[in-house]
């Protein structure tokens, strides 16, 4: 089997190895991709998913505001647009959580492997240097994952509040119902503003982590 065909074969099997991390890591290492590289990739993916979620939540809020200030036109169509924005927001939130779990999974495996391999050193100076790098990376990682979790915990209250409004309007799509929800707008605006602020902090922490990983 040629090198190119072997690479294509390994790539084609990776989709089937997700349930077995050992096999997945083994296949990736044959491609020259190690746990550290996978962690970097997954942090980038988590960061990007938060960027997308941030934009989507802002879009959903804008559409909610549009409906609450409805002034003529097709009310049903306006509602359906809001419903679509909510569904997209829910999907983006799920993606963010999935990406964070993926980061946590590979980081745990990376740190475990790194810890075990410290015992393989015969040169104590190199061992101490690697041990210091491990300690520093763990500290950086903890700052990163804490920021990610902080943003993640803000998503569910926002999603739940949006779902309540969308469901209420689904069964009460009239001017009186819309008027009754206007008082909720300020609260939801505040919650989304806080969510976006936390997401931006998490994104900044991700970029900081990625920059520092390049220096190791």
N, C-alpha and C. Protein backbone atom coordinates (compact mmCIF):
# COMPACT_ATOMS: atom_id res chain seq x y z
N UNK A 1 0.85 -1.19 0.00
CA UNK A 1 0.00 0.00 0.00
C UNK A 1 0.89 1.24 0.00
N UNK A 2 0.63 2.17 -0.91
CA UNK A 2 1.44 3.38 -0.99
C UNK A 2 1.17 4.27 0.20
N UNK A 3 2.07 5.23 0.42
CA UNK A 3 1.92 6.16 1.55
C UNK A 3 0.62 6.94 1.44
N UNK A 4 0.28 7.38 0.23
CA UNK A 4 -0.95 8.16 0.03
C UNK A 4 -2.19 7.33 0.33
N UNK A 5 -2.20 6.08 -0.17
CA UNK A 5 -3.35 5.21 0.07
C UNK A 5 -3.48 4.88 1.56
N UNK A 6 -2.32 4.68 2.21
CA UNK A 6 -2.35 4.37 3.63
C UNK A 6 -2.94 5.54 4.42
N UNK A 7 -2.55 6.75 4.04
CA UNK A 7 -3.08 7.94 4.71
C UNK A 7 -4.58 8.06 4.50
N UNK A 8 -5.04 7.83 3.27
CA UNK A 8 -6.47 7.91 2.97
C UNK A 8 -7.24 6.84 3.74
N UNK A 9 -6.64 5.66 3.85
CA UNK A 9 -7.30 4.59 4.59
C UNK A 9 -7.45 4.95 6.06
N UNK A 10 -6.39 5.48 6.64
CA UNK A 10 -6.44 5.86 8.05
C UNK A 10 -7.46 6.96 8.29
N UNK A 11 -7.50 7.92 7.37
CA UNK A 11 -8.47 9.00 7.52
C UNK A 11 -9.89 8.48 7.43
N UNK A 12 -10.12 7.52 6.53
CA UNK A 12 -11.47 6.99 6.35
C UNK A 12 -11.94 6.19 7.56
N UNK A 13 -11.00 5.66 8.34
CA UNK A 13 -11.40 4.86 9.51
C UNK A 13 -11.61 5.69 10.76
N UNK A 14 -11.13 6.92 10.77
CA UNK A 14 -11.23 7.73 11.99
C UNK A 14 -12.67 7.98 12.42
N UNK A 15 -13.56 8.09 11.46
CA UNK A 15 -14.97 8.31 11.79
C UNK A 15 -15.57 7.15 12.58
N UNK A 16 -14.98 5.98 12.42
CA UNK A 16 -15.53 4.79 13.07
C UNK A 16 -14.83 4.49 14.40
N UNK A 17 -13.89 5.34 14.78
CA UNK A 17 -13.11 5.05 15.98
C UNK A 17 -13.45 5.96 17.15
N UNK A 18 -14.43 6.82 16.96
CA UNK A 18 -14.76 7.79 18.00
C UNK A 18 -15.14 7.15 19.32
N UNK A 19 -15.73 5.96 19.27
CA UNK A 19 -16.16 5.30 20.50
C UNK A 19 -15.01 4.61 21.22
N UNK A 20 -13.86 4.52 20.57
CA UNK A 20 -12.70 3.86 21.18
C UNK A 20 -11.53 4.83 21.09
N UNK A 21 -11.29 5.56 22.17
CA UNK A 21 -10.27 6.60 22.14
C UNK A 21 -8.88 6.04 21.89
N UNK A 22 -8.58 4.84 22.42
CA UNK A 22 -7.26 4.26 22.23
C UNK A 22 -6.99 4.01 20.75
N UNK A 23 -7.97 3.42 20.06
CA UNK A 23 -7.81 3.17 18.63
C UNK A 23 -7.73 4.47 17.85
N UNK A 24 -8.51 5.44 18.27
CA UNK A 24 -8.50 6.75 17.60
C UNK A 24 -7.13 7.41 17.73
N UNK A 25 -6.62 7.45 18.96
CA UNK A 25 -5.31 8.06 19.18
C UNK A 25 -4.22 7.33 18.40
N UNK A 26 -4.31 6.01 18.38
CA UNK A 26 -3.32 5.21 17.66
C UNK A 26 -3.33 5.55 16.18
N UNK A 27 -4.53 5.64 15.61
CA UNK A 27 -4.64 5.97 14.19
C UNK A 27 -4.11 7.36 13.91
N UNK A 28 -4.42 8.31 14.79
CA UNK A 28 -3.95 9.67 14.60
C UNK A 28 -2.43 9.77 14.72
N UNK A 29 -1.86 9.01 15.65
CA UNK A 29 -0.41 9.05 15.82
C UNK A 29 0.31 8.51 14.60
N UNK A 30 -0.33 7.56 13.90
CA UNK A 30 0.26 7.06 12.65
C UNK A 30 0.31 8.15 11.59
N UNK A 31 -0.55 9.15 11.76
CA UNK A 31 -0.54 10.29 10.85
C UNK A 31 0.34 11.43 11.37
N UNK A 32 0.99 11.18 12.51
CA UNK A 32 1.85 12.20 13.08
C UNK A 32 1.10 13.23 13.91
N UNK A 33 -0.12 12.89 14.30
CA UNK A 33 -0.94 13.81 15.10
C UNK A 33 -1.07 13.24 16.51
N UNK A 34 -0.55 13.96 17.49
CA UNK A 34 -0.53 13.48 18.87
C UNK A 34 -1.62 14.17 19.71
N UNK A 35 -1.76 13.70 20.94
CA UNK A 35 -2.83 14.23 21.80
C UNK A 35 -2.74 15.74 21.97
N UNK A 36 -1.53 16.25 22.05
CA UNK A 36 -1.35 17.70 22.18
C UNK A 36 -1.95 18.43 20.98
N UNK A 37 -1.71 17.87 19.78
CA UNK A 37 -2.25 18.48 18.56
C UNK A 37 -3.78 18.39 18.54
N UNK A 38 -4.29 17.25 19.01
CA UNK A 38 -5.74 17.07 19.05
C UNK A 38 -6.38 18.05 20.02
N UNK A 39 -5.72 18.26 21.16
CA UNK A 39 -6.23 19.23 22.13
C UNK A 39 -6.29 20.62 21.52
N UNK A 40 -5.24 21.01 20.84
CA UNK A 40 -5.22 22.33 20.19
C UNK A 40 -6.37 22.44 19.19
N UNK A 41 -6.56 21.40 18.38
CA UNK A 41 -7.64 21.42 17.39
C UNK A 41 -9.00 21.54 18.07
N UNK A 42 -9.19 20.82 19.16
CA UNK A 42 -10.49 20.83 19.83
C UNK A 42 -10.76 22.14 20.56
N UNK A 43 -9.71 22.76 21.07
CA UNK A 43 -9.89 24.08 21.67
C UNK A 43 -10.28 25.09 20.60
N UNK A 44 -9.66 24.99 19.43
CA UNK A 44 -10.03 25.87 18.31
C UNK A 44 -11.49 25.66 17.92
N UNK A 45 -11.91 24.40 17.87
CA UNK A 45 -13.29 24.08 17.50
C UNK A 45 -14.27 24.60 18.55
N UNK A 46 -13.91 24.46 19.82
CA UNK A 46 -14.77 24.97 20.90
C UNK A 46 -14.87 26.49 20.83
N UNK A 47 -13.75 27.13 20.58
CA UNK A 47 -13.74 28.59 20.45
C UNK A 47 -14.64 29.03 19.28
N UNK A 48 -14.48 28.36 18.14
CA UNK A 48 -15.28 28.73 16.97
C UNK A 48 -16.77 28.49 17.20
N UNK A 49 -17.10 27.41 17.92
CA UNK A 49 -18.52 27.14 18.19
C UNK A 49 -19.11 28.21 19.10
N UNK A 50 -18.30 28.75 20.01
CA UNK A 50 -18.78 29.83 20.87
C UNK A 50 -18.97 31.12 20.07
N UNK A 51 -18.08 31.35 19.13
CA UNK A 51 -18.24 32.51 18.24
C UNK A 51 -19.57 32.43 17.49
N UNK A 52 -19.84 31.25 16.95
CA UNK A 52 -21.08 31.04 16.19
C UNK A 52 -22.31 31.17 17.09
N UNK A 53 -22.21 30.63 18.30
CA UNK A 53 -23.33 30.71 19.25
C UNK A 53 -23.58 32.16 19.65
N UNK A 54 -22.53 32.91 19.85
CA UNK A 54 -22.65 34.32 20.23
C UNK A 54 -23.44 35.10 19.17
N UNK A 55 -23.08 34.88 17.92
CA UNK A 55 -23.78 35.54 16.82
C UNK A 55 -25.23 35.09 16.76
N UNK A 56 -25.46 33.79 16.95
CA UNK A 56 -26.82 33.26 16.86
C UNK A 56 -27.71 33.78 17.97
N UNK A 57 -27.22 33.85 19.19
CA UNK A 57 -28.03 34.36 20.30
C UNK A 57 -28.38 35.83 20.07
N UNK A 58 -27.46 36.58 19.53
CA UNK A 58 -27.73 37.99 19.21
C UNK A 58 -28.82 38.11 18.15
N UNK A 59 -28.75 37.22 17.16
CA UNK A 59 -29.75 37.22 16.09
C UNK A 59 -31.13 36.85 16.63
N UNK A 60 -31.16 35.85 17.53
CA UNK A 60 -32.44 35.43 18.13
C UNK A 60 -33.05 36.56 18.96
N UNK A 61 -32.21 37.26 19.71
CA UNK A 61 -32.69 38.38 20.51
C UNK A 61 -33.27 39.48 19.63
N UNK A 62 -32.60 39.74 18.53
CA UNK A 62 -33.08 40.77 17.60
C UNK A 62 -34.45 40.39 17.04
N UNK A 63 -34.62 39.11 16.70
CA UNK A 63 -35.90 38.66 16.15
C UNK A 63 -37.00 38.69 17.21
N UNK A 64 -36.65 38.36 18.45
CA UNK A 64 -37.61 38.42 19.55
C UNK A 64 -38.08 39.85 19.76
N UNK A 65 -37.15 40.78 19.70
CA UNK A 65 -37.48 42.19 19.84
C UNK A 65 -38.37 42.65 18.69
N UNK A 66 -38.08 42.16 17.49
CA UNK A 66 -38.89 42.50 16.32
C UNK A 66 -40.33 42.04 16.51
N UNK A 67 -40.51 40.82 17.01
CA UNK A 67 -41.87 40.31 17.20
C UNK A 67 -42.61 41.09 18.28
N UNK A 68 -41.91 41.39 19.38
CA UNK A 68 -42.57 42.11 20.47
C UNK A 68 -42.96 43.53 20.07
N UNK A 69 -42.28 44.06 19.07
CA UNK A 69 -42.60 45.39 18.57
C UNK A 69 -43.32 45.31 17.22
N UNK A 70 -43.99 44.20 17.01
CA UNK A 70 -44.70 43.95 15.75
C UNK A 70 -45.68 45.08 15.46
N UNK A 71 -45.61 45.56 14.21
CA UNK A 71 -46.47 46.68 13.83
C UNK A 71 -46.95 46.49 12.39
N UNK A 72 -47.73 45.45 12.20
CA UNK A 72 -48.28 45.19 10.88
C UNK A 72 -47.45 44.18 10.10
N UNK A 73 -48.09 43.53 9.14
CA UNK A 73 -47.42 42.52 8.33
C UNK A 73 -47.96 41.14 8.65
N UNK A 74 -47.16 40.14 8.35
CA UNK A 74 -47.56 38.75 8.55
C UNK A 74 -47.05 38.29 9.91
N UNK A 75 -47.94 38.26 10.90
CA UNK A 75 -47.55 37.89 12.26
C UNK A 75 -47.08 36.45 12.34
N UNK A 76 -47.77 35.55 11.62
CA UNK A 76 -47.39 34.14 11.65
C UNK A 76 -45.98 33.94 11.11
N UNK A 77 -45.69 34.64 10.03
CA UNK A 77 -44.35 34.51 9.44
C UNK A 77 -43.28 35.06 10.39
N UNK A 78 -43.60 36.15 11.06
CA UNK A 78 -42.66 36.73 12.03
C UNK A 78 -42.41 35.76 13.17
N UNK A 79 -43.48 35.10 13.63
CA UNK A 79 -43.33 34.10 14.69
C UNK A 79 -42.48 32.92 14.21
N UNK A 80 -42.73 32.44 13.01
CA UNK A 80 -41.99 31.29 12.49
C UNK A 80 -40.50 31.61 12.35
N UNK A 81 -40.20 32.86 12.02
CA UNK A 81 -38.80 33.28 11.95
C UNK A 81 -38.17 33.21 13.34
N UNK A 82 -38.92 33.68 14.34
CA UNK A 82 -38.43 33.62 15.72
C UNK A 82 -38.24 32.17 16.15
N UNK A 83 -39.18 31.31 15.82
CA UNK A 83 -39.08 29.89 16.17
C UNK A 83 -37.83 29.28 15.56
N UNK A 84 -37.56 29.65 14.31
CA UNK A 84 -36.35 29.15 13.65
C UNK A 84 -35.09 29.64 14.33
N UNK A 85 -35.11 30.90 14.76
CA UNK A 85 -33.95 31.45 15.47
C UNK A 85 -33.74 30.73 16.79
N UNK A 86 -34.83 30.42 17.47
CA UNK A 86 -34.71 29.67 18.73
C UNK A 86 -34.10 28.29 18.49
N UNK A 87 -34.59 27.59 17.49
CA UNK A 87 -34.09 26.25 17.20
C UNK A 87 -32.60 26.29 16.85
N UNK A 88 -32.21 27.32 16.10
CA UNK A 88 -30.79 27.47 15.77
C UNK A 88 -29.97 27.75 17.02
N UNK A 89 -30.51 28.56 17.91
CA UNK A 89 -29.81 28.88 19.16
C UNK A 89 -29.64 27.63 20.02
N UNK A 90 -30.69 26.83 20.09
CA UNK A 90 -30.63 25.59 20.86
C UNK A 90 -29.59 24.64 20.28
N UNK A 91 -29.53 24.58 18.96
CA UNK A 91 -28.55 23.72 18.29
C UNK A 91 -27.13 24.21 18.55
N UNK A 92 -26.93 25.52 18.46
CA UNK A 92 -25.60 26.09 18.70
C UNK A 92 -25.16 25.84 20.15
N UNK A 93 -26.09 25.97 21.08
CA UNK A 93 -25.77 25.73 22.49
C UNK A 93 -25.33 24.27 22.69
N UNK A 94 -26.04 23.35 22.06
CA UNK A 94 -25.67 21.94 22.15
C UNK A 94 -24.30 21.67 21.57
N UNK A 95 -24.00 22.35 20.48
CA UNK A 95 -22.69 22.18 19.84
C UNK A 95 -21.58 22.69 20.76
N UNK A 96 -21.81 23.82 21.41
CA UNK A 96 -20.81 24.35 22.34
C UNK A 96 -20.52 23.34 23.45
N UNK A 97 -21.58 22.78 24.03
CA UNK A 97 -21.40 21.80 25.10
C UNK A 97 -20.66 20.56 24.61
N UNK A 98 -20.99 20.10 23.41
CA UNK A 98 -20.31 18.93 22.85
C UNK A 98 -18.83 19.21 22.65
N UNK A 99 -18.51 20.42 22.17
CA UNK A 99 -17.11 20.78 21.94
C UNK A 99 -16.34 20.86 23.26
N UNK A 100 -16.98 21.36 24.29
CA UNK A 100 -16.31 21.44 25.59
C UNK A 100 -16.04 20.05 26.13
N UNK A 101 -17.01 19.12 25.97
CA UNK A 101 -16.79 17.74 26.43
C UNK A 101 -15.62 17.12 25.66
N UNK A 102 -15.51 17.43 24.39
CA UNK A 102 -14.41 16.88 23.58
C UNK A 102 -13.06 17.40 24.07
N UNK A 103 -13.01 18.68 24.43
CA UNK A 103 -11.79 19.26 24.99
C UNK A 103 -11.42 18.56 26.29
N UNK A 104 -12.41 18.37 27.16
CA UNK A 104 -12.15 17.73 28.45
C UNK A 104 -11.66 16.30 28.29
N UNK A 105 -12.21 15.60 27.31
CA UNK A 105 -11.83 14.20 27.10
C UNK A 105 -10.36 14.07 26.71
N UNK A 106 -9.94 14.82 25.69
CA UNK A 106 -8.56 14.68 25.23
C UNK A 106 -7.58 15.28 26.22
N UNK A 107 -7.97 16.32 26.94
CA UNK A 107 -7.05 16.92 27.91
C UNK A 107 -6.75 15.93 29.04
N UNK A 108 -7.78 15.21 29.49
CA UNK A 108 -7.59 14.21 30.55
C UNK A 108 -6.63 13.13 30.09
N UNK A 109 -6.78 12.69 28.84
CA UNK A 109 -5.90 11.65 28.30
C UNK A 109 -4.48 12.18 28.10
N UNK A 110 -4.37 13.41 27.64
CA UNK A 110 -3.05 14.01 27.44
C UNK A 110 -2.29 14.13 28.75
N UNK A 111 -2.94 14.68 29.77
CA UNK A 111 -2.26 14.88 31.04
C UNK A 111 -1.90 13.56 31.70
N UNK A 112 -2.75 12.56 31.55
CA UNK A 112 -2.47 11.25 32.10
C UNK A 112 -1.24 10.63 31.42
N UNK A 113 -1.19 10.72 30.11
CA UNK A 113 -0.05 10.18 29.36
C UNK A 113 1.23 10.93 29.72
N UNK A 114 1.13 12.25 29.79
CA UNK A 114 2.28 13.08 30.11
C UNK A 114 2.84 12.71 31.49
N UNK A 115 1.94 12.55 32.45
CA UNK A 115 2.34 12.19 33.82
C UNK A 115 3.06 10.84 33.83
N UNK A 116 2.51 9.88 33.11
CA UNK A 116 3.11 8.54 33.07
C UNK A 116 4.49 8.57 32.42
N UNK A 117 4.62 9.35 31.37
CA UNK A 117 5.87 9.36 30.62
C UNK A 117 7.00 10.11 31.33
N UNK A 118 6.67 10.86 32.36
CA UNK A 118 7.73 11.50 33.15
C UNK A 118 8.64 10.44 33.77
N UNK A 119 8.05 9.30 34.07
CA UNK A 119 8.83 8.23 34.67
C UNK A 119 9.79 7.55 33.71
N UNK A 120 9.70 7.84 32.44
CA UNK A 120 10.58 7.22 31.44
C UNK A 120 11.89 7.96 31.26
N UNK A 121 11.94 9.19 31.78
CA UNK A 121 13.16 9.98 31.63
C UNK A 121 14.32 9.36 32.43
N UNK A 122 15.50 9.39 31.84
CA UNK A 122 16.71 9.04 32.58
C UNK A 122 17.51 10.30 32.91
N UNK A 123 17.31 11.34 32.12
CA UNK A 123 17.96 12.63 32.37
C UNK A 123 17.05 13.44 33.28
N UNK A 124 17.48 13.66 34.51
CA UNK A 124 16.63 14.32 35.50
C UNK A 124 16.39 15.80 35.19
N UNK A 125 17.33 16.43 34.54
CA UNK A 125 17.14 17.84 34.18
C UNK A 125 16.02 17.98 33.15
N UNK A 126 16.02 17.10 32.17
CA UNK A 126 14.95 17.10 31.17
C UNK A 126 13.62 16.73 31.79
N UNK A 127 13.67 15.80 32.75
CA UNK A 127 12.44 15.39 33.42
C UNK A 127 11.83 16.56 34.17
N UNK A 128 12.66 17.30 34.90
CA UNK A 128 12.15 18.46 35.66
C UNK A 128 11.57 19.52 34.73
N UNK A 129 12.24 19.71 33.59
CA UNK A 129 11.75 20.70 32.62
C UNK A 129 10.38 20.29 32.08
N UNK A 130 10.24 19.00 31.75
CA UNK A 130 8.95 18.50 31.24
C UNK A 130 7.88 18.57 32.31
N UNK A 131 8.29 18.28 33.55
CA UNK A 131 7.34 18.32 34.67
C UNK A 131 6.84 19.75 34.90
N UNK A 132 7.75 20.71 34.77
CA UNK A 132 7.35 22.12 34.91
C UNK A 132 6.40 22.53 33.79
N UNK A 133 6.67 22.06 32.58
CA UNK A 133 5.79 22.37 31.45
C UNK A 133 4.41 21.77 31.67
N UNK A 134 4.37 20.55 32.19
CA UNK A 134 3.09 19.91 32.49
C UNK A 134 2.32 20.72 33.52
N UNK A 135 3.00 21.15 34.57
CA UNK A 135 2.35 21.91 35.63
C UNK A 135 1.78 23.23 35.07
N UNK A 136 2.58 23.93 34.27
CA UNK A 136 2.14 25.20 33.70
C UNK A 136 0.97 25.00 32.74
N UNK A 137 1.04 23.93 31.95
CA UNK A 137 -0.04 23.66 31.00
C UNK A 137 -1.34 23.34 31.72
N UNK A 138 -1.24 22.61 32.82
CA UNK A 138 -2.44 22.30 33.60
C UNK A 138 -3.07 23.58 34.16
N UNK A 139 -2.24 24.49 34.63
CA UNK A 139 -2.76 25.76 35.17
C UNK A 139 -3.46 26.54 34.06
N UNK A 140 -2.81 26.62 32.90
CA UNK A 140 -3.43 27.34 31.78
C UNK A 140 -4.73 26.68 31.36
N UNK A 141 -4.70 25.35 31.32
CA UNK A 141 -5.89 24.61 30.92
C UNK A 141 -7.03 24.84 31.90
N UNK A 142 -6.74 24.86 33.19
CA UNK A 142 -7.78 25.05 34.20
C UNK A 142 -8.43 26.42 34.03
N UNK A 143 -7.63 27.42 33.71
CA UNK A 143 -8.18 28.76 33.45
C UNK A 143 -9.09 28.73 32.23
N UNK A 144 -8.66 27.99 31.21
CA UNK A 144 -9.44 27.88 29.98
C UNK A 144 -10.77 27.18 30.23
N UNK A 145 -10.73 26.00 30.84
CA UNK A 145 -11.95 25.22 31.00
C UNK A 145 -12.92 25.89 31.97
N UNK A 146 -12.40 26.63 32.94
CA UNK A 146 -13.26 27.38 33.86
C UNK A 146 -14.02 28.46 33.10
N UNK A 147 -13.33 29.14 32.19
CA UNK A 147 -13.97 30.18 31.38
C UNK A 147 -15.03 29.56 30.47
N UNK A 148 -14.72 28.40 29.90
CA UNK A 148 -15.68 27.72 29.03
C UNK A 148 -16.93 27.32 29.82
N UNK A 149 -16.72 26.77 31.01
CA UNK A 149 -17.86 26.35 31.83
C UNK A 149 -18.69 27.54 32.29
N UNK A 150 -18.04 28.64 32.58
CA UNK A 150 -18.76 29.84 33.00
C UNK A 150 -19.73 30.30 31.92
N UNK A 151 -19.25 30.29 30.67
CA UNK A 151 -20.12 30.67 29.56
C UNK A 151 -21.21 29.63 29.33
N UNK A 152 -20.82 28.36 29.45
CA UNK A 152 -21.78 27.27 29.20
C UNK A 152 -22.96 27.33 30.18
N UNK A 153 -22.68 27.62 31.44
CA UNK A 153 -23.75 27.63 32.44
C UNK A 153 -24.75 28.76 32.19
N UNK A 154 -24.34 29.77 31.45
CA UNK A 154 -25.25 30.88 31.15
C UNK A 154 -26.21 30.54 30.00
N UNK A 155 -25.88 29.50 29.23
CA UNK A 155 -26.69 29.20 28.05
C UNK A 155 -28.05 28.61 28.39
N UNK A 156 -28.10 27.66 29.32
CA UNK A 156 -29.36 26.99 29.62
C UNK A 156 -30.46 27.93 30.10
N UNK A 157 -30.17 28.87 31.02
CA UNK A 157 -31.22 29.81 31.42
C UNK A 157 -31.75 30.63 30.25
N UNK A 158 -30.85 31.03 29.35
CA UNK A 158 -31.28 31.80 28.18
C UNK A 158 -32.13 30.94 27.26
N UNK A 159 -31.68 29.71 27.00
CA UNK A 159 -32.44 28.80 26.15
C UNK A 159 -33.81 28.50 26.75
N UNK A 160 -33.85 28.26 28.04
CA UNK A 160 -35.12 27.96 28.71
C UNK A 160 -36.09 29.14 28.64
N UNK A 161 -35.56 30.35 28.84
CA UNK A 161 -36.40 31.54 28.77
C UNK A 161 -36.95 31.73 27.36
N UNK A 162 -36.09 31.53 26.36
CA UNK A 162 -36.54 31.65 24.98
C UNK A 162 -37.60 30.61 24.65
N UNK A 163 -37.37 29.38 25.12
CA UNK A 163 -38.33 28.32 24.84
C UNK A 163 -39.71 28.67 25.42
N UNK A 164 -39.70 29.21 26.63
CA UNK A 164 -40.96 29.60 27.26
C UNK A 164 -41.71 30.63 26.41
N UNK A 165 -40.96 31.63 25.93
CA UNK A 165 -41.61 32.68 25.14
C UNK A 165 -42.15 32.13 23.82
N UNK A 166 -41.34 31.29 23.18
CA UNK A 166 -41.74 30.73 21.88
C UNK A 166 -42.95 29.82 22.04
N UNK A 167 -42.96 28.98 23.06
CA UNK A 167 -44.10 28.09 23.29
C UNK A 167 -45.37 28.88 23.63
N UNK A 168 -45.20 29.91 24.44
CA UNK A 168 -46.35 30.74 24.80
C UNK A 168 -46.95 31.39 23.57
N UNK A 169 -46.09 31.93 22.72
CA UNK A 169 -46.58 32.58 21.50
C UNK A 169 -47.16 31.59 20.51
N UNK A 170 -46.65 30.38 20.52
CA UNK A 170 -47.18 29.35 19.61
C UNK A 170 -48.67 29.14 19.83
N UNK A 171 -49.10 29.19 21.10
CA UNK A 171 -50.49 28.93 21.44
C UNK A 171 -51.30 30.20 21.71
N UNK A 172 -50.60 31.34 21.69
CA UNK A 172 -51.30 32.60 21.98
C UNK A 172 -50.77 33.71 21.07
N UNK A 173 -50.82 33.47 19.77
CA UNK A 173 -50.23 34.42 18.84
C UNK A 173 -51.23 35.53 18.52
N UNK A 174 -51.26 36.51 19.41
CA UNK A 174 -52.13 37.67 19.21
C UNK A 174 -51.51 38.88 19.90
N UNK A 175 -52.07 40.03 19.64
CA UNK A 175 -51.49 41.28 20.14
C UNK A 175 -51.46 41.34 21.66
N UNK A 176 -52.47 40.77 22.30
CA UNK A 176 -52.51 40.80 23.77
C UNK A 176 -51.36 39.97 24.35
N UNK A 177 -51.14 38.79 23.78
CA UNK A 177 -50.06 37.92 24.25
C UNK A 177 -48.70 38.58 24.03
N UNK A 178 -48.55 39.18 22.88
CA UNK A 178 -47.29 39.87 22.57
C UNK A 178 -47.04 40.99 23.57
N UNK A 179 -48.06 41.76 23.85
CA UNK A 179 -47.93 42.87 24.81
C UNK A 179 -47.55 42.35 26.19
N UNK A 180 -48.08 41.19 26.57
CA UNK A 180 -47.80 40.66 27.91
C UNK A 180 -46.36 40.22 28.07
N UNK A 181 -45.67 39.99 26.95
CA UNK A 181 -44.28 39.53 27.01
C UNK A 181 -43.27 40.66 26.94
N UNK A 182 -43.73 41.85 26.67
CA UNK A 182 -42.77 42.96 26.48
C UNK A 182 -41.94 43.24 27.72
N UNK A 183 -42.54 42.99 28.88
CA UNK A 183 -41.80 43.22 30.12
C UNK A 183 -40.65 42.23 30.29
N UNK A 184 -40.69 41.11 29.55
CA UNK A 184 -39.64 40.10 29.64
C UNK A 184 -38.41 40.47 28.84
N UNK A 185 -38.57 41.40 27.90
CA UNK A 185 -37.49 41.71 26.98
C UNK A 185 -36.24 42.21 27.69
N UNK A 186 -36.42 43.10 28.66
CA UNK A 186 -35.27 43.66 29.37
C UNK A 186 -34.49 42.57 30.08
N UNK A 187 -35.20 41.64 30.72
CA UNK A 187 -34.54 40.54 31.43
C UNK A 187 -33.75 39.66 30.47
N UNK A 188 -34.39 39.31 29.35
CA UNK A 188 -33.72 38.45 28.38
C UNK A 188 -32.53 39.17 27.76
N UNK A 189 -32.68 40.46 27.49
CA UNK A 189 -31.57 41.25 26.95
C UNK A 189 -30.39 41.21 27.92
N UNK A 190 -30.69 41.36 29.22
CA UNK A 190 -29.63 41.33 30.23
C UNK A 190 -28.95 39.98 30.30
N UNK A 191 -29.76 38.90 30.24
CA UNK A 191 -29.20 37.55 30.30
C UNK A 191 -28.31 37.27 29.09
N UNK A 192 -28.76 37.67 27.92
CA UNK A 192 -27.97 37.42 26.71
C UNK A 192 -26.72 38.29 26.70
N UNK A 193 -26.83 39.51 27.20
CA UNK A 193 -25.66 40.38 27.29
C UNK A 193 -24.59 39.75 28.18
N UNK A 194 -25.02 39.18 29.31
CA UNK A 194 -24.08 38.51 30.22
C UNK A 194 -23.49 37.27 29.57
N UNK A 195 -24.34 36.52 28.86
CA UNK A 195 -23.88 35.32 28.17
C UNK A 195 -22.82 35.68 27.14
N UNK A 196 -23.09 36.69 26.35
CA UNK A 196 -22.14 37.11 25.31
C UNK A 196 -20.83 37.58 25.94
N UNK A 197 -20.94 38.30 27.04
CA UNK A 197 -19.74 38.76 27.74
C UNK A 197 -18.90 37.57 28.21
N UNK A 198 -19.55 36.56 28.76
CA UNK A 198 -18.83 35.38 29.22
C UNK A 198 -18.25 34.59 28.06
N UNK A 199 -18.97 34.53 26.95
CA UNK A 199 -18.46 33.85 25.77
C UNK A 199 -17.23 34.55 25.23
N UNK A 200 -17.26 35.87 25.21
CA UNK A 200 -16.11 36.63 24.73
C UNK A 200 -14.90 36.41 25.64
N UNK A 201 -15.15 36.30 26.95
CA UNK A 201 -14.06 36.02 27.89
C UNK A 201 -13.49 34.63 27.63
N UNK A 202 -14.38 33.66 27.36
CA UNK A 202 -13.95 32.30 27.08
C UNK A 202 -13.17 32.24 25.77
N UNK A 203 -13.65 32.96 24.78
CA UNK A 203 -12.96 33.00 23.48
C UNK A 203 -11.57 33.61 23.64
N UNK A 204 -11.48 34.68 24.43
CA UNK A 204 -10.18 35.31 24.68
C UNK A 204 -9.25 34.35 25.41
N UNK A 205 -9.81 33.59 26.37
CA UNK A 205 -9.00 32.62 27.11
C UNK A 205 -8.53 31.50 26.19
N UNK A 206 -9.39 31.11 25.25
CA UNK A 206 -9.00 30.08 24.27
C UNK A 206 -7.84 30.57 23.42
N UNK A 207 -7.93 31.80 22.95
CA UNK A 207 -6.86 32.35 22.12
C UNK A 207 -5.55 32.46 22.91
N UNK A 208 -5.67 32.82 24.18
CA UNK A 208 -4.48 32.92 25.03
C UNK A 208 -3.85 31.53 25.22
N UNK A 209 -4.69 30.53 25.46
CA UNK A 209 -4.21 29.16 25.65
C UNK A 209 -3.52 28.66 24.38
N UNK A 210 -4.13 28.91 23.23
CA UNK A 210 -3.56 28.44 21.96
C UNK A 210 -2.22 29.11 21.69
N UNK A 211 -2.12 30.39 21.99
CA UNK A 211 -0.86 31.11 21.80
C UNK A 211 0.24 30.54 22.69
N UNK A 212 -0.12 30.25 23.94
CA UNK A 212 0.86 29.72 24.89
C UNK A 212 1.27 28.29 24.52
N UNK A 213 0.34 27.52 23.94
CA UNK A 213 0.67 26.17 23.53
C UNK A 213 1.70 26.16 22.41
N UNK A 214 1.68 27.20 21.58
CA UNK A 214 2.66 27.30 20.49
C UNK A 214 4.06 27.50 21.03
N UNK A 215 4.17 28.02 22.24
CA UNK A 215 5.48 28.32 22.83
C UNK A 215 6.09 27.12 23.55
N UNK A 216 5.29 26.10 23.77
CA UNK A 216 5.80 24.92 24.49
C UNK A 216 6.67 24.05 23.57
